Structure formats: C-alpha cells, structure tokens
Amino acid sequence: MTKKLEIKKGSSNVFKDLGVPGSDVKHLKAQLAAEVIRILDSQKLSVRKAAEQTGFDHADFSRIRNADLARFTIDRLVTILNNLNRHIELKITRLKSA
C-alpha cells in the first residue's frame, strides 16, 4: 500500500516552516554562520588560523562549523565576519498584510 504525500512549497526560512520559535533570528544566525564557513573553506583557514586572524577563540569556529549557534548572538557573528574582512548589510522590509 502506497501513501500519497502532500507536497508544499516552503519559504526561504526552514525554521519558520517548521514552526520554531524565534525563527527569524535563527535563520539570520544560520546565514551568517554559513558565510563564516564559506570564508574558512575558501581561504583554507583552520579553526586555529581563524582564531589568530580574528581574536576569537578557536572553539567558536568549531561551534560554527558544527552549527552549534546557541552561544552566538547576531552581533557576535557580524563581528567575526568583520574580523574576516567582510562587510554586512541588512535589508529591512515591511511585511505584507494578510
């Protein structure tokens, strides 16, 4: 017997799609962490080298690589990216009425 699956188009925020509280913050933190990982990979930086370059602890970079973002605030992730020579721009838009 085959079950019929219902397919729904998701938003760009998986946390919101799953009904996770604080989904917008979690999504932004995940995006910032993904950029940190992209930089580490593209520059072939170990967590130790990244720590030397940014002044943050090497364990912070290990946590970011493991998506353990509970200890990070958005401003801390932005500061890490700034120390990796990245400029962050945020765009704020008004939500459409339902």
PDB file of N, CA and C in Angstrom:
ATOM      1  N   MET A   1       0.831  -1.172   0.000  1.00  0.00           N
ATOM      2  CA  MET A   1       0.000   0.000   0.000  1.00  0.00           C
ATOM      3  C   MET A   1       0.883   1.246   0.000  1.00  0.00           C
ATOM      4  N   THR A   2       0.642   2.147  -0.931  1.00  0.00           N
ATOM      5  CA  THR A   2       1.436   3.348  -1.081  1.00  0.00           C
ATOM      6  C   THR A   2       0.695   4.538  -0.496  1.00  0.00           C
ATOM      7  N   LYS A   3       1.424   5.307   0.329  1.00  0.00           N
ATOM      8  CA  LYS A   3       0.843   6.532   0.880  1.00  0.00           C
ATOM      9  C   LYS A   3       1.072   7.667  -0.097  1.00  0.00           C
ATOM     10  N   LYS A   4       0.077   8.503  -0.229  1.00  0.00           N
ATOM     11  CA  LYS A   4       0.200   9.669  -1.078  1.00  0.00           C
ATOM     12  C   LYS A   4       0.746  10.821  -0.228  1.00  0.00           C
ATOM     13  N   LEU A   5       1.826  11.430  -0.678  1.00  0.00           N
ATOM     14  CA  LEU A   5       2.432  12.534   0.046  1.00  0.00           C
ATOM     15  C   LEU A   5       1.931  13.857  -0.486  1.00  0.00           C
ATOM     16  N   GLU A   6       1.714  14.782   0.424  1.00  0.00           N
ATOM     17  CA  GLU A   6       1.330  16.135   0.041  1.00  0.00           C
ATOM     18  C   GLU A   6       2.594  16.976  -0.021  1.00  0.00           C
ATOM     19  N   ILE A   7       2.790  17.663  -1.109  1.00  0.00           N
ATOM     20  CA  ILE A   7       3.963  18.499  -1.290  1.00  0.00           C
ATOM     21  C   ILE A   7       3.551  19.949  -1.111  1.00  0.00           C
ATOM     22  N   LYS A   8       4.298  20.633  -0.233  1.00  0.00           N
ATOM     23  CA  LYS A   8       4.058  22.055  -0.006  1.00  0.00           C
ATOM     24  C   LYS A   8       5.325  22.822  -0.300  1.00  0.00           C
ATOM     25  N   LYS A   9       5.158  23.976  -0.914  1.00  0.00           N
ATOM     26  CA  LYS A   9       6.309  24.827  -1.169  1.00  0.00           C
ATOM     27  C   LYS A   9       6.666  25.546   0.124  1.00  0.00           C
ATOM     28  N   GLY A  10       7.927  25.472   0.498  1.00  0.00           N
ATOM     29  CA  GLY A  10       8.383  26.125   1.717  1.00  0.00           C
ATOM     30  C   GLY A  10       8.812  27.557   1.442  1.00  0.00           C
ATOM     31  N   SER A  11       9.003  28.282   2.517  1.00  0.00           N
ATOM     32  CA  SER A  11       9.544  29.635   2.401  1.00  0.00           C
ATOM     33  C   SER A  11      11.061  29.521   2.350  1.00  0.00           C
ATOM     34  N   SER A  12      11.737  30.616   2.385  1.00  0.00           N
ATOM     35  CA  SER A  12      13.199  30.565   2.414  1.00  0.00           C
ATOM     36  C   SER A  12      13.720  30.352   3.838  1.00  0.00           C
ATOM     37  N   ASN A  13      12.806  30.255   4.812  1.00  0.00           N
ATOM     38  CA  ASN A  13      13.180  30.094   6.214  1.00  0.00           C
ATOM     39  C   ASN A  13      12.652  28.760   6.737  1.00  0.00           C
ATOM     40  N   VAL A  14      13.520  27.765   6.794  1.00  0.00           N
ATOM     41  CA  VAL A  14      13.106  26.429   7.233  1.00  0.00           C
ATOM     42  C   VAL A  14      12.624  26.445   8.687  1.00  0.00           C
ATOM     43  N   PHE A  15      13.188  27.319   9.512  1.00  0.00           N
ATOM     44  CA  PHE A  15      12.777  27.400  10.910  1.00  0.00           C
ATOM     45  C   PHE A  15      11.314  27.851  11.019  1.00  0.00           C
ATOM     46  N   LYS A  16      10.947  28.815  10.178  1.00  0.00           N
ATOM     47  CA  LYS A  16       9.562  29.293  10.163  1.00  0.00           C
ATOM     48  C   LYS A  16       8.633  28.196   9.646  1.00  0.00           C
ATOM     49  N   ASP A  17       9.077  27.494   8.610  1.00  0.00           N
ATOM     50  CA  ASP A  17       8.270  26.414   8.041  1.00  0.00           C
ATOM     51  C   ASP A  17       7.983  25.324   9.069  1.00  0.00           C
ATOM     52  N   LEU A  18       8.946  25.097   9.965  1.00  0.00           N
ATOM     53  CA  LEU A  18       8.781  24.072  10.993  1.00  0.00           C
ATOM     54  C   LEU A  18       8.130  24.595  12.268  1.00  0.00           C
ATOM     55  N   GLY A  19       7.803  25.887  12.304  1.00  0.00           N
ATOM     56  CA  GLY A  19       7.131  26.467  13.464  1.00  0.00           C
ATOM     57  C   GLY A  19       8.039  26.663  14.671  1.00  0.00           C
ATOM     58  N   VAL A  20       9.341  26.843  14.421  1.00  0.00           N
ATOM     59  CA  VAL A  20      10.305  27.031  15.510  1.00  0.00           C
ATOM     60  C   VAL A  20      10.193  28.460  16.040  1.00  0.00           C
ATOM     61  N   PRO A  21      10.053  28.631  17.362  1.00  0.00           N
ATOM     62  CA  PRO A  21      10.019  29.987  17.931  1.00  0.00           C
ATOM     63  C   PRO A  21      11.332  30.722  17.640  1.00  0.00           C
ATOM     64  N   GLY A  22      11.245  32.017  17.382  1.00  0.00           N
ATOM     65  CA  GLY A  22      12.427  32.807  17.070  1.00  0.00           C
ATOM     66  C   GLY A  22      13.029  32.460  15.723  1.00  0.00           C
ATOM     67  N   SER A  23      12.177  32.069  14.800  1.00  0.00           N
ATOM     68  CA  SER A  23      12.651  31.560  13.505  1.00  0.00           C
ATOM     69  C   SER A  23      13.461  32.584  12.715  1.00  0.00           C
ATOM     70  N   ASP A  24      13.080  33.855  12.775  1.00  0.00           N
ATOM     71  CA  ASP A  24      13.805  34.868  12.003  1.00  0.00           C
ATOM     72  C   ASP A  24      15.234  35.037  12.517  1.00  0.00           C
ATOM     73  N   VAL A  25      15.402  35.041  13.829  1.00  0.00           N
ATOM     74  CA  VAL A  25      16.733  35.173  14.416  1.00  0.00           C
ATOM     75  C   VAL A  25      17.567  33.942  14.101  1.00  0.00           C
ATOM     76  N   LYS A  26      16.988  32.767  14.257  1.00  0.00           N
ATOM     77  CA  LYS A  26      17.712  31.524  13.971  1.00  0.00           C
ATOM     78  C   LYS A  26      18.135  31.474  12.500  1.00  0.00           C
ATOM     79  N   HIS A  27      17.265  31.918  11.621  1.00  0.00           N
ATOM     80  CA  HIS A  27      17.571  31.923  10.188  1.00  0.00           C
ATOM     81  C   HIS A  27      18.732  32.871   9.881  1.00  0.00           C
ATOM     82  N   LEU A  28      18.693  34.070  10.447  1.00  0.00           N
ATOM     83  CA  LEU A  28      19.767  35.038  10.214  1.00  0.00           C
ATOM     84  C   LEU A  28      21.089  34.526  10.771  1.00  0.00           C
ATOM     85  N   LYS A  29      21.068  33.944  11.974  1.00  0.00           N
ATOM     86  CA  LYS A  29      22.290  33.385  12.546  1.00  0.00           C
ATOM     87  C   LYS A  29      22.846  32.268  11.661  1.00  0.00           C
ATOM     88  N   ALA A  30      21.974  31.440  11.124  1.00  0.00           N
ATOM     89  CA  ALA A  30      22.415  30.356  10.239  1.00  0.00           C
ATOM     90  C   ALA A  30      23.045  30.912   8.963  1.00  0.00           C
ATOM     91  N   GLN A  31      22.468  31.974   8.421  1.00  0.00           N
ATOM     92  CA  GLN A  31      23.028  32.580   7.217  1.00  0.00           C
ATOM     93  C   GLN A  31      24.412  33.176   7.493  1.00  0.00           C
ATOM     94  N   LEU A  32      24.556  33.853   8.630  1.00  0.00           N
ATOM     95  CA  LEU A  32      25.841  34.439   8.995  1.00  0.00           C
ATOM     96  C   LEU A  32      26.890  33.347   9.231  1.00  0.00           C
ATOM     97  N   ALA A  33      26.491  32.287   9.928  1.00  0.00           N
ATOM     98  CA  ALA A  33      27.405  31.169  10.184  1.00  0.00           C
ATOM     99  C   ALA A  33      27.823  30.506   8.872  1.00  0.00           C
ATOM    100  N   ALA A  34      26.892  30.370   7.937  1.00  0.00           N
ATOM    101  CA  ALA A  34      27.214  29.775   6.642  1.00  0.00           C
ATOM    102  C   ALA A  34      28.256  30.614   5.907  1.00  0.00           C
ATOM    103  N   GLU A  35      28.164  31.924   6.038  1.00  0.00           N
ATOM    104  CA  GLU A  35      29.151  32.794   5.401  1.00  0.00           C
ATOM    105  C   GLU A  35      30.515  32.635   6.061  1.00  0.00           C
ATOM    106  N   VAL A  36      30.554  32.502   7.382  1.00  0.00           N
ATOM    107  CA  VAL A  36      31.822  32.257   8.072  1.00  0.00           C
ATOM    108  C   VAL A  36      32.441  30.968   7.538  1.00  0.00           C
ATOM    109  N   ILE A  37      31.649  29.931   7.420  1.00  0.00           N
ATOM    110  CA  ILE A  37      32.153  28.641   6.925  1.00  0.00           C
ATOM    111  C   ILE A  37      32.661  28.775   5.488  1.00  0.00           C
ATOM    112  N   ARG A  38      31.922  29.508   4.648  1.00  0.00           N
ATOM    113  CA  ARG A  38      32.366  29.726   3.257  1.00  0.00           C
ATOM    114  C   ARG A  38      33.740  30.395   3.221  1.00  0.00           C
ATOM    115  N   ILE A  39      33.936  31.381   4.101  1.00  0.00           N
ATOM    116  CA  ILE A  39      35.217  32.096   4.150  1.00  0.00           C
ATOM    117  C   ILE A  39      36.330  31.152   4.596  1.00  0.00           C
ATOM    118  N   LEU A  40      36.071  30.400   5.664  1.00  0.00           N
ATOM    119  CA  LEU A  40      37.080  29.463   6.166  1.00  0.00           C
ATOM    120  C   LEU A  40      37.474  28.471   5.074  1.00  0.00           C
ATOM    121  N   ASP A  41      36.476  27.954   4.367  1.00  0.00           N
ATOM    122  CA  ASP A  41      36.747  26.981   3.309  1.00  0.00           C
ATOM    123  C   ASP A  41      37.489  27.609   2.129  1.00  0.00           C
ATOM    124  N   SER A  42      37.037  28.774   1.693  1.00  0.00           N
ATOM    125  CA  SER A  42      37.654  29.397   0.512  1.00  0.00           C
ATOM    126  C   SER A  42      39.085  29.844   0.791  1.00  0.00           C
ATOM    127  N   GLN A  43      39.359  30.259   2.029  1.00  0.00           N
ATOM    128  CA  GLN A  43      40.712  30.688   2.381  1.00  0.00           C
ATOM    129  C   GLN A  43      41.536  29.560   2.997  1.00  0.00           C
ATOM    130  N   LYS A  44      40.923  28.377   3.051  1.00  0.00           N
ATOM    131  CA  LYS A  44      41.584  27.197   3.629  1.00  0.00           C
ATOM    132  C   LYS A  44      42.137  27.497   5.023  1.00  0.00           C
ATOM    133  N   LEU A  45      41.297  28.167   5.845  1.00  0.00           N
ATOM    134  CA  LEU A  45      41.693  28.519   7.207  1.00  0.00           C
ATOM    135  C   LEU A  45      41.274  27.421   8.176  1.00  0.00           C
ATOM    136  N   SER A  46      42.203  26.970   8.992  1.00  0.00           N
ATOM    137  CA  SER A  46      41.849  26.061  10.080  1.00  0.00           C
ATOM    138  C   SER A  46      41.180  26.902  11.169  1.00  0.00           C
ATOM    139  N   VAL A  47      40.556  26.242  12.123  1.00  0.00           N
ATOM    140  CA  VAL A  47      39.917  26.990  13.206  1.00  0.00           C
ATOM    141  C   VAL A  47      40.974  27.746  14.012  1.00  0.00           C
ATOM    142  N   ARG A  48      42.157  27.186  14.132  1.00  0.00           N
ATOM    143  CA  ARG A  48      43.257  27.860  14.857  1.00  0.00           C
ATOM    144  C   ARG A  48      43.718  29.111  14.105  1.00  0.00           C
ATOM    145  N   LYS A  49      43.869  29.002  12.796  1.00  0.00           N
ATOM    146  CA  LYS A  49      44.285  30.163  11.996  1.00  0.00           C
ATOM    147  C   LYS A  49      43.214  31.256  12.024  1.00  0.00           C
ATOM    148  N   ALA A  50      41.962  30.842  11.938  1.00  0.00           N
ATOM    149  CA  ALA A  50      40.864  31.810  12.001  1.00  0.00           C
ATOM    150  C   ALA A  50      40.862  32.518  13.348  1.00  0.00           C
ATOM    151  N   ALA A  51      41.144  31.781  14.407  1.00  0.00           N
ATOM    152  CA  ALA A  51      41.207  32.374  15.741  1.00  0.00           C
ATOM    153  C   ALA A  51      42.322  33.410  15.814  1.00  0.00           C
ATOM    154  N   GLU A  52      43.475  33.082  15.265  1.00  0.00           N
ATOM    155  CA  GLU A  52      44.598  34.026  15.249  1.00  0.00           C
ATOM    156  C   GLU A  52      44.238  35.285  14.470  1.00  0.00           C
ATOM    157  N   GLN A  53      43.559  35.105  13.355  1.00  0.00           N
ATOM    158  CA  GLN A  53      43.225  36.235  12.473  1.00  0.00           C
ATOM    159  C   GLN A  53      42.150  37.140  13.073  1.00  0.00           C
ATOM    160  N   THR A  54      41.230  36.586  13.844  1.00  0.00           N
ATOM    161  CA  THR A  54      40.082  37.357  14.318  1.00  0.00           C
ATOM    162  C   THR A  54      40.132  37.742  15.787  1.00  0.00           C
ATOM    163  N   GLY A  55      40.914  37.017  16.571  1.00  0.00           N
ATOM    164  CA  GLY A  55      40.930  37.281  18.008  1.00  0.00           C
ATOM    165  C   GLY A  55      39.863  36.521  18.767  1.00  0.00           C
ATOM    166  N   PHE A  56      39.070  35.735  18.068  1.00  0.00           N
ATOM    167  CA  PHE A  56      38.061  34.890  18.715  1.00  0.00           C
ATOM    168  C   PHE A  56      38.679  33.533  19.015  1.00  0.00           C
ATOM    169  N   ASP A  57      38.094  32.814  19.949  1.00  0.00           N
ATOM    170  CA  ASP A  57      38.606  31.517  20.343  1.00  0.00           C
ATOM    171  C   ASP A  57      38.403  30.486  19.236  1.00  0.00           C
ATOM    172  N   HIS A  58      39.349  29.563  19.099  1.00  0.00           N
ATOM    173  CA  HIS A  58      39.212  28.530  18.063  1.00  0.00           C
ATOM    174  C   HIS A  58      37.965  27.671  18.286  1.00  0.00           C
ATOM    175  N   ALA A  59      37.550  27.519  19.541  1.00  0.00           N
ATOM    176  CA  ALA A  59      36.349  26.735  19.829  1.00  0.00           C
ATOM    177  C   ALA A  59      35.098  27.384  19.230  1.00  0.00           C
ATOM    178  N   ASP A  60      35.120  28.715  19.115  1.00  0.00           N
ATOM    179  CA  ASP A  60      33.986  29.411  18.478  1.00  0.00           C
ATOM    180  C   ASP A  60      33.827  28.957  17.033  1.00  0.00           C
ATOM    181  N   PHE A  61      34.934  28.815  16.332  1.00  0.00           N
ATOM    182  CA  PHE A  61      34.877  28.395  14.931  1.00  0.00           C
ATOM    183  C   PHE A  61      34.469  26.932  14.810  1.00  0.00           C
ATOM    184  N   SER A  62      34.866  26.128  15.768  1.00  0.00           N
ATOM    185  CA  SER A  62      34.414  24.733  15.777  1.00  0.00           C
ATOM    186  C   SER A  62      32.907  24.677  15.991  1.00  0.00           C
ATOM    187  N   ARG A  63      32.394  25.497  16.889  1.00  0.00           N
ATOM    188  CA  ARG A  63      30.942  25.534  17.129  1.00  0.00           C
ATOM    189  C   ARG A  63      30.197  25.992  15.872  1.00  0.00           C
ATOM    190  N   ILE A  64      30.723  26.996  15.214  1.00  0.00           N
ATOM    191  CA  ILE A  64      30.084  27.487  13.989  1.00  0.00           C
ATOM    192  C   ILE A  64      30.075  26.381  12.935  1.00  0.00           C
ATOM    193  N   ARG A  65      31.184  25.699  12.760  1.00  0.00           N
ATOM    194  CA  ARG A  65      31.249  24.604  11.780  1.00  0.00           C
ATOM    195  C   ARG A  65      30.259  23.485  12.109  1.00  0.00           C
ATOM    196  N   ASN A  66      29.983  23.294  13.387  1.00  0.00           N
ATOM    197  CA  ASN A  66      29.052  22.239  13.819  1.00  0.00           C
ATOM    198  C   ASN A  66      27.615  22.749  13.977  1.00  0.00           C
ATOM    199  N   ALA A  67      27.358  23.974  13.527  1.00  0.00           N
ATOM    200  CA  ALA A  67      26.032  24.600  13.606  1.00  0.00           C
ATOM    201  C   ALA A  67      25.504  24.635  15.036  1.00  0.00           C
ATOM    202  N   ASP A  68      26.411  24.781  15.991  1.00  0.00           N
ATOM    203  CA  ASP A  68      26.048  24.935  17.399  1.00  0.00           C
ATOM    204  C   ASP A  68      26.047  26.434  17.692  1.00  0.00           C
ATOM    205  N   LEU A  69      24.946  27.081  17.345  1.00  0.00           N
ATOM    206  CA  LEU A  69      24.903  28.548  17.361  1.00  0.00           C
ATOM    207  C   LEU A  69      24.218  29.135  18.588  1.00  0.00           C
ATOM    208  N   ALA A  70      23.856  28.309  19.551  1.00  0.00           N
ATOM    209  CA  ALA A  70      23.109  28.784  20.722  1.00  0.00           C
ATOM    210  C   ALA A  70      23.883  29.845  21.503  1.00  0.00           C
ATOM    211  N   ARG A  71      25.185  29.769  21.541  1.00  0.00           N
ATOM    212  CA  ARG A  71      26.003  30.715  22.305  1.00  0.00           C
ATOM    213  C   ARG A  71      26.291  32.005  21.557  1.00  0.00           C
ATOM    214  N   PHE A  72      25.878  32.085  20.312  1.00  0.00           N
ATOM    215  CA  PHE A  72      26.210  33.236  19.483  1.00  0.00           C
ATOM    216  C   PHE A  72      25.041  34.192  19.360  1.00  0.00           C
ATOM    217  N   THR A  73      25.352  35.466  19.439  1.00  0.00           N
ATOM    218  CA  THR A  73      24.373  36.497  19.121  1.00  0.00           C
ATOM    219  C   THR A  73      24.642  36.938  17.682  1.00  0.00           C
ATOM    220  N   ILE A  74      23.683  37.635  17.119  1.00  0.00           N
ATOM    221  CA  ILE A  74      23.861  38.136  15.760  1.00  0.00           C
ATOM    222  C   ILE A  74      25.047  39.094  15.710  1.00  0.00           C
ATOM    223  N   ASP A  75      25.162  39.977  16.699  1.00  0.00           N
ATOM    224  CA  ASP A  75      26.257  40.941  16.663  1.00  0.00           C
ATOM    225  C   ASP A  75      27.623  40.265  16.802  1.00  0.00           C
ATOM    226  N   ARG A  76      27.691  39.170  17.530  1.00  0.00           N
ATOM    227  CA  ARG A  76      28.961  38.439  17.648  1.00  0.00           C
ATOM    228  C   ARG A  76      29.347  37.808  16.315  1.00  0.00           C
ATOM    229  N   LEU A  77      28.380  37.234  15.623  1.00  0.00           N
ATOM    230  CA  LEU A  77      28.654  36.655  14.304  1.00  0.00           C
ATOM    231  C   LEU A  77      29.056  37.734  13.301  1.00  0.00           C
ATOM    232  N   VAL A  78      28.414  38.888  13.383  1.00  0.00           N
ATOM    233  CA  VAL A  78      28.769  40.004  12.498  1.00  0.00           C
ATOM    234  C   VAL A  78      30.194  40.468  12.787  1.00  0.00           C
ATOM    235  N   THR A  79      30.554  40.538  14.059  1.00  0.00           N
ATOM    236  CA  THR A  79      31.909  40.948  14.430  1.00  0.00           C
ATOM    237  C   THR A  79      32.940  39.945  13.914  1.00  0.00           C
ATOM    238  N   ILE A  80      32.637  38.666  14.007  1.00  0.00           N
ATOM    239  CA  ILE A  80      33.542  37.648  13.461  1.00  0.00           C
ATOM    240  C   ILE A  80      33.723  37.866  11.956  1.00  0.00           C
ATOM    241  N   LEU A  81      32.618  38.097  11.259  1.00  0.00           N
ATOM    242  CA  LEU A  81      32.704  38.337   9.814  1.00  0.00           C
ATOM    243  C   LEU A  81      33.489  39.616   9.506  1.00  0.00           C
ATOM    244  N   ASN A  82      33.272  40.657  10.300  1.00  0.00           N
ATOM    245  CA  ASN A  82      34.046  41.890  10.102  1.00  0.00           C
ATOM    246  C   ASN A  82      35.539  41.616  10.275  1.00  0.00           C
ATOM    247  N   ASN A  83      35.885  40.804  11.264  1.00  0.00           N
ATOM    248  CA  ASN A  83      37.289  40.474  11.501  1.00  0.00           C
ATOM    249  C   ASN A  83      37.859  39.561  10.415  1.00  0.00           C
ATOM    250  N   LEU A  84      36.981  38.936   9.647  1.00  0.00           N
ATOM    251  CA  LEU A  84      37.395  38.152   8.470  1.00  0.00           C
ATOM    252  C   LEU A  84      37.310  38.991   7.200  1.00  0.00           C
ATOM    253  N   ASN A  85      37.271  40.323   7.384  1.00  0.00           N
ATOM    254  CA  ASN A  85      37.246  41.299   6.283  1.00  0.00           C
ATOM    255  C   ASN A  85      35.980  41.220   5.439  1.00  0.00           C
ATOM    256  N   ARG A  86      34.853  41.051   6.089  1.00  0.00           N
ATOM    257  CA  ARG A  86      33.570  41.071   5.394  1.00  0.00           C
ATOM    258  C   ARG A  86      32.698  42.178   5.968  1.00  0.00           C
ATOM    259  N   HIS A  87      31.994  42.852   5.096  1.00  0.00           N
ATOM    260  CA  HIS A  87      31.052  43.902   5.478  1.00  0.00           C
ATOM    261  C   HIS A  87      29.647  43.327   5.371  1.00  0.00           C
ATOM    262  N   ILE A  88      28.827  43.544   6.364  1.00  0.00           N
ATOM    263  CA  ILE A  88      27.469  43.002   6.400  1.00  0.00           C
ATOM    264  C   ILE A  88      26.472  44.122   6.145  1.00  0.00           C
ATOM    265  N   GLU A  89      25.535  43.869   5.252  1.00  0.00           N
ATOM    266  CA  GLU A  89      24.441  44.795   5.002  1.00  0.00           C
ATOM    267  C   GLU A  89      23.130  44.067   5.248  1.00  0.00           C
ATOM    268  N   LEU A  90      22.265  44.664   6.045  1.00  0.00           N
ATOM    269  CA  LEU A  90      20.952  44.099   6.312  1.00  0.00           C
ATOM    270  C   LEU A  90      19.890  44.939   5.627  1.00  0.00           C
ATOM    271  N   LYS A  91      18.891  44.288   5.107  1.00  0.00           N
ATOM    272  CA  LYS A  91      17.784  44.981   4.454  1.00  0.00           C
ATOM    273  C   LYS A  91      16.530  44.729   5.283  1.00  0.00           C
ATOM    274  N   ILE A  92      15.851  45.793   5.629  1.00  0.00           N
ATOM    275  CA  ILE A  92      14.625  45.688   6.413  1.00  0.00           C
ATOM    276  C   ILE A  92      13.453  46.038   5.510  1.00  0.00           C
ATOM    277  N   THR A  93      12.468  45.157   5.465  1.00  0.00           N
ATOM    278  CA  THR A  93      11.291  45.404   4.644  1.00  0.00           C
ATOM    279  C   THR A  93      10.032  45.250   5.491  1.00  0.00           C
ATOM    280  N   ARG A  94       8.993  45.870   5.048  1.00  0.00           N
ATOM    281  CA  ARG A  94       7.717  45.786   5.742  1.00  0.00           C
ATOM    282  C   ARG A  94       6.990  44.528   5.289  1.00  0.00           C
ATOM    283  N   LEU A  95       6.404  43.809   6.246  1.00  0.00           N
ATOM    284  CA  LEU A  95       5.646  42.605   5.916  1.00  0.00           C
ATOM    285  C   LEU A  95       4.355  42.987   5.203  1.00  0.00           C
ATOM    286  N   LYS A  96       3.976  42.170   4.249  1.00  0.00           N
ATOM    287  CA  LYS A  96       2.716  42.394   3.550  1.00  0.00           C
ATOM    288  C   LYS A  96       1.566  41.986   4.451  1.00  0.00           C
ATOM    289  N   SER A  97       0.499  42.730   4.397  1.00  0.00           N
ATOM    290  CA  SER A  97      -0.697  42.381   5.193  1.00  0.00           C
ATOM    291  C   SER A  97      -1.345  41.148   4.637  1.00  0.00           C
ATOM    292  N   ALA A  98      -1.912  40.370   5.539  1.00  0.00           N
ATOM    293  CA  ALA A  98      -2.566  39.116   5.119  1.00  0.00           C
ATOM    294  C   ALA A  98      -3.889  39.371   4.456  1.00  0.00           C
TER     295      ALA A  98
END
